C-alpha atoms as a PDB file:
ATOM      1  CA  MET A   1     119.774  41.896 115.908  1.00  0.00           C
ATOM      2  CA  LEU A   2     120.156  45.501 116.504  1.00  0.00           C
ATOM      3  CA  GLU A   3     122.489  44.749 119.249  1.00  0.00           C
ATOM      4  CA  LYS A   4     124.869  42.923 116.572  1.00  0.00           C
ATOM      5  CA  HIS A   5     126.028  46.189 115.015  1.00  0.00           C
ATOM      6  CA  GLY A   6     127.189  47.779 118.203  1.00  0.00           C
ATOM      7  CA  THR A   7     124.444  50.119 119.173  1.00  0.00           C
ATOM      8  CA  LYS A   8     120.860  50.086 119.733  1.00  0.00           C
ATOM      9  CA  PHE A   9     119.645  51.698 116.554  1.00  0.00           C
ATOM     10  CA  GLY A  10     122.268  49.885 114.082  1.00  0.00           C
ATOM     11  CA  VAL A  11     124.668  52.662 113.756  1.00  0.00           C
ATOM     12  CA  SER A  12     128.310  51.583 114.278  1.00  0.00           C
ATOM     13  CA  SER A  13     130.295  53.015 117.014  1.00  0.00           C
ATOM     14  CA  MET A  14     132.721  54.591 114.308  1.00  0.00           C
ATOM     15  CA  ASN A  15     129.928  56.676 112.729  1.00  0.00           C
ATOM     16  CA  ASN A  16     128.758  57.770 116.235  1.00  0.00           C
ATOM     17  CA  LYS A  17     132.282  59.128 117.020  1.00  0.00           C
ATOM     18  CA  TYR A  18     132.520  61.037 113.996  1.00  0.00           C
ATOM     19  CA  PHE A  19     129.043  62.406 114.715  1.00  0.00           C
ATOM     20  CA  LYS A  20     129.911  63.526 118.073  1.00  0.00           C
ATOM     21  CA  LEU A  21     133.033  65.168 116.721  1.00  0.00           C
ATOM     22  CA  HIS A  22     130.941  66.854 114.246  1.00  0.00           C
ATOM     23  CA  ILE A  23     128.626  68.231 116.833  1.00  0.00           C
ATOM     24  CA  GLU A  24     131.445  69.342 119.008  1.00  0.00           C
ATOM     25  CA  GLN A  25     133.123  71.244 116.056  1.00  0.00           C
ATOM     26  CA  ALA A  26     129.996  72.869 115.195  1.00  0.00           C
ATOM     27  CA  ASN A  27     129.200  73.990 118.725  1.00  0.00           C
ATOM     28  CA  SER A  28     132.814  75.398 119.069  1.00  0.00           C
ATOM     29  CA  TYR A  29     132.442  77.322 115.695  1.00  0.00           C
ATOM     30  CA  ARG A  30     129.081  78.758 117.076  1.00  0.00           C
ATOM     31  CA  LYS A  31     130.675  79.751 120.321  1.00  0.00           C
ATOM     32  CA  ARG A  32     133.701  81.541 118.627  1.00  0.00           C
ATOM     33  CA  ASN A  33     131.717  83.287 115.999  1.00  0.00           C
ATOM     34  CA  LYS A  34     128.665  84.468 118.135  1.00  0.00           C
ATOM     35  CA  GLY A  35     129.936  87.965 118.519  1.00  0.00           C
ATOM     36  CA  ALA A  36     130.193  88.112 114.764  1.00  0.00           C
ATOM     37  CA  VAL A  37     126.485  86.838 114.313  1.00  0.00           C
ATOM     38  CA  ILE A  38     125.113  89.195 116.782  1.00  0.00           C
ATOM     39  CA  PHE A  39     127.081  92.266 115.125  1.00  0.00           C
ATOM     40  CA  SER A  40     125.879  91.218 111.775  1.00  0.00           C
ATOM     41  CA  LYS A  41     122.161  91.021 113.061  1.00  0.00           C
ATOM     42  CA  ILE A  42     122.542  94.460 114.716  1.00  0.00           C
ATOM     43  CA  LEU A  43     124.052  96.046 111.339  1.00  0.00           C
ATOM     44  CA  ILE A  44     121.158  94.443 109.156  1.00  0.00           C
ATOM     45  CA  GLY A  45     118.857  95.990 111.855  1.00  0.00           C
ATOM     46  CA  MET A  46     120.343  99.267 111.780  1.00  0.00           C
ATOM     47  CA  ALA A  47     120.459  99.335 107.909  1.00  0.00           C
ATOM     48  CA  SER A  48     116.796  98.526 107.679  1.00  0.00           C
ATOM     49  CA  LEU A  49     115.967 101.283 110.094  1.00  0.00           C
ATOM     50  CA  VAL A  50     117.965 103.844 108.001  1.00  0.00           C
ATOM     51  CA  ALA A  51     116.076 102.698 104.999  1.00  0.00           C
ATOM     52  CA  LEU A  52     112.886 102.947 106.582  1.00  0.00           C
ATOM     53  CA  GLY A  53     113.812 106.599 107.658  1.00  0.00           C
ATOM     54  CA  PHE A  54     114.435 107.370 104.292  1.00  0.00           C
ATOM     55  CA  LEU A  55     111.138 105.933 103.075  1.00  0.00           C
ATOM     56  CA  ILE A  56     109.107 107.868 105.696  1.00  0.00           C
ATOM     57  CA  SER A  57     110.952 111.004 105.365  1.00  0.00           C
ATOM     58  CA  CYS A  58     110.524 111.311 101.761  1.00  0.00           C
ATOM     59  CA  SER A  59     108.909 114.675 101.062  1.00  0.00           C
ATOM     60  CA  THR A  60     106.803 115.263  98.073  1.00  0.00           C
ATOM     61  CA  THR A  61     106.177 118.721  96.365  1.00  0.00           C
ATOM     62  CA  PRO A  62     102.614 119.446  95.828  1.00  0.00           C
ATOM     63  CA  ILE A  63     101.603 118.710  92.125  1.00  0.00           C
ATOM     64  CA  VAL A  64      99.878 122.188  90.997  1.00  0.00           C
ATOM     65  CA  ASP A  65      98.019 122.449  87.829  1.00  0.00           C
ATOM     66  CA  SER A  66      99.792 125.361  86.071  1.00  0.00           C
ATOM     67  CA  ARG A  67      96.870 126.068  83.882  1.00  0.00           C
ATOM     68  CA  GLY A  68      94.350 125.716  86.465  1.00  0.00           C
ATOM     69  CA  LYS A  69      92.858 129.085  87.432  1.00  0.00           C
ATOM     70  CA  SER A  70      90.791 130.061  90.590  1.00  0.00           C
ATOM     71  CA  SER A  71      89.347 133.473  91.983  1.00  0.00           C
ATOM     72  CA  ALA A  72      92.364 133.716  94.214  1.00  0.00           C
ATOM     73  CA  ASN A  73      94.962 133.724  91.213  1.00  0.00           C
ATOM     74  CA  ILE A  74      93.807 136.520  89.250  1.00  0.00           C
ATOM     75  CA  LYS A  75      96.333 136.262  86.602  1.00  0.00           C
ATOM     76  CA  GLY A  76      95.973 132.452  86.351  1.00  0.00           C
ATOM     77  CA  ASP A  77      99.895 132.348  85.805  1.00  0.00           C
ATOM     78  CA  MET A  78     102.794 130.513  87.558  1.00  0.00           C
ATOM     79  CA  ASN A  79     105.294 133.292  87.973  1.00  0.00           C
ATOM     80  CA  ARG A  80     104.842 133.490  91.764  1.00  0.00           C
ATOM     81  CA  TYR A  81     104.466 129.706  92.352  1.00  0.00           C
ATOM     82  CA  HIS A  82     107.852 129.120  93.824  1.00  0.00           C
ATOM     83  CA  ASP A  83     107.675 132.233  96.104  1.00  0.00           C
ATOM     84  CA  ASP A  84     104.116 131.108  97.216  1.00  0.00           C
ATOM     85  CA  LEU A  85     105.437 127.530  97.623  1.00  0.00           C
ATOM     86  CA  HIS A  86     108.250 128.689  99.876  1.00  0.00           C
ATOM     87  CA  THR A  87     106.247 130.911 101.847  1.00  0.00           C
ATOM     88  CA  CYS A  88     103.602 128.318 102.437  1.00  0.00           C
ATOM     89  CA  LYS A  89     106.375 125.678 103.659  1.00  0.00           C
ATOM     90  CA  SER A  90     108.088 128.355 106.041  1.00  0.00           C
ATOM     91  CA  ILE A  91     104.586 129.110 107.386  1.00  0.00           C
ATOM     92  CA  VAL A  92     103.633 125.544 107.887  1.00  0.00           C
ATOM     93  CA  GLU A  93     106.955 124.509 109.329  1.00  0.00           C
ATOM     94  CA  ASP A  94     107.101 127.504 111.684  1.00  0.00           C
ATOM     95  CA  ASN A  95     103.548 126.437 113.075  1.00  0.00           C
ATOM     96  CA  THR A  96     103.929 122.701 113.445  1.00  0.00           C
ATOM     97  CA  SER A  97     106.336 120.321 115.127  1.00  0.00           C
ATOM     98  CA  TYR A  98     108.047 117.828 113.209  1.00  0.00           C
ATOM     99  CA  PHE A  99     107.463 114.819 115.864  1.00  0.00           C
ATOM    100  CA  TRP A 100     103.809 115.717 116.216  1.00  0.00           C
ATOM    101  CA  ASP A 101     103.321 115.618 112.417  1.00  0.00           C
ATOM    102  CA  LYS A 102     104.997 112.252 111.918  1.00  0.00           C
ATOM    103  CA  SER A 103     102.749 110.963 114.982  1.00  0.00           C
ATOM    104  CA  LYS A 104      99.760 112.192 112.890  1.00  0.00           C
ATOM    105  CA  VAL A 105     100.951 110.372 109.879  1.00  0.00           C
ATOM    106  CA  LEU A 106     101.307 107.128 111.755  1.00  0.00           C
ATOM    107  CA  TYR A 107      97.988 107.681 113.234  1.00  0.00           C
ATOM    108  CA  ASN A 108      96.361 108.247 109.828  1.00  0.00           C
ATOM    109  CA  ASN A 109      98.023 105.088 108.557  1.00  0.00           C
ATOM    110  CA  LEU A 110      96.726 102.828 111.547  1.00  0.00           C
ATOM    111  CA  ARG A 111      93.187 104.203 111.091  1.00  0.00           C
ATOM    112  CA  TRP A 112      91.892 101.256 109.152  1.00  0.00           C
ATOM    113  CA  ARG A 113      92.275  99.316 112.282  1.00  0.00           C
ATOM    114  CA  VAL A 114      89.058 101.187 113.620  1.00  0.00           C
ATOM    115  CA  LEU A 115      87.473 100.717 110.253  1.00  0.00           C
ATOM    116  CA  TRP A 116      88.297 104.304 109.402  1.00  0.00           C
ATOM    117  CA  LEU A 117      85.825 105.684 111.832  1.00  0.00           C
ATOM    118  CA  SER A 118      88.306 107.932 113.530  1.00  0.00           C
ATOM    119  CA  PRO A 119      88.729 111.253 111.903  1.00  0.00           C
ATOM    120  CA  LYS A 120      91.753 112.009 109.826  1.00  0.00           C
ATOM    121  CA  LEU A 121      94.180 114.273 111.280  1.00  0.00           C
ATOM    122  CA  GLN A 122      95.780 117.373 109.267  1.00  0.00           C
ATOM    123  CA  THR A 123      99.351 116.534 108.548  1.00  0.00           C
ATOM    124  CA  ARG A 124     102.151 119.170 107.240  1.00  0.00           C
ATOM    125  CA  THR A 125     101.478 118.145 103.530  1.00  0.00           C
ATOM    126  CA  ASP A 126      97.656 118.835 104.087  1.00  0.00           C
ATOM    127  CA  LEU A 127      98.222 122.437 105.381  1.00  0.00           C
ATOM    128  CA  LEU A 128     100.588 123.060 102.788  1.00  0.00           C
ATOM    129  CA  ASN A 129      97.975 122.236  99.910  1.00  0.00           C
ATOM    130  CA  ASN A 130      95.376 124.020 101.679  1.00  0.00           C
ATOM    131  CA  CYS A 131      97.898 127.169 101.831  1.00  0.00           C
ATOM    132  CA  LEU A 132      98.444 126.661  97.852  1.00  0.00           C
ATOM    133  CA  GLU A 133      94.928 126.436  97.464  1.00  0.00           C
ATOM    134  CA  GLY A 134      94.122 129.745  99.394  1.00  0.00           C
ATOM    135  CA  ARG A 135      96.627 131.413  97.310  1.00  0.00           C
ATOM    136  CA  GLY A 136      94.672 130.307  94.077  1.00  0.00           C
ATOM    137  CA  TYR A 137      96.529 127.239  92.846  1.00  0.00           C
ATOM    138  CA  SER A 138      94.918 123.921  91.921  1.00  0.00           C
ATOM    139  CA  VAL A 139      96.652 121.198  93.961  1.00  0.00           C
ATOM    140  CA  ILE A 140      96.288 117.867  92.124  1.00  0.00           C
ATOM    141  CA  ASN A 141      97.785 115.421  94.705  1.00  0.00           C
ATOM    142  CA  LYS A 142      95.885 115.922  97.843  1.00  0.00           C
END
């Protein structure tokens, strides 16, 4: 019964010929455009790395309570805040390495793998917040 239609599975030889032609055309298309496919994958990968770089390198300015007072900030005003902020930033940048700081951030983000048993390392933002607190400001986003 199956041999009656010309092939073993009941598909005519004409359909089989068109199927082979379709496969050959698809393979030739894939061979011709292989470079474009690889280029698009590389382009997508590089774009995602750039986006990831922008997300990682986002810096946040410390949020300081402008009415908070401590013993170091005798007047309790914000007149010298910008000068103190830039002084603390320059002190932290002069005494720390950018690469080493990013490795500390990565380490702190992966501490959950050891059930938070390893101690947290101080990063540039921690040092900046400590510097501002030492100058008498109440830093909210620690």
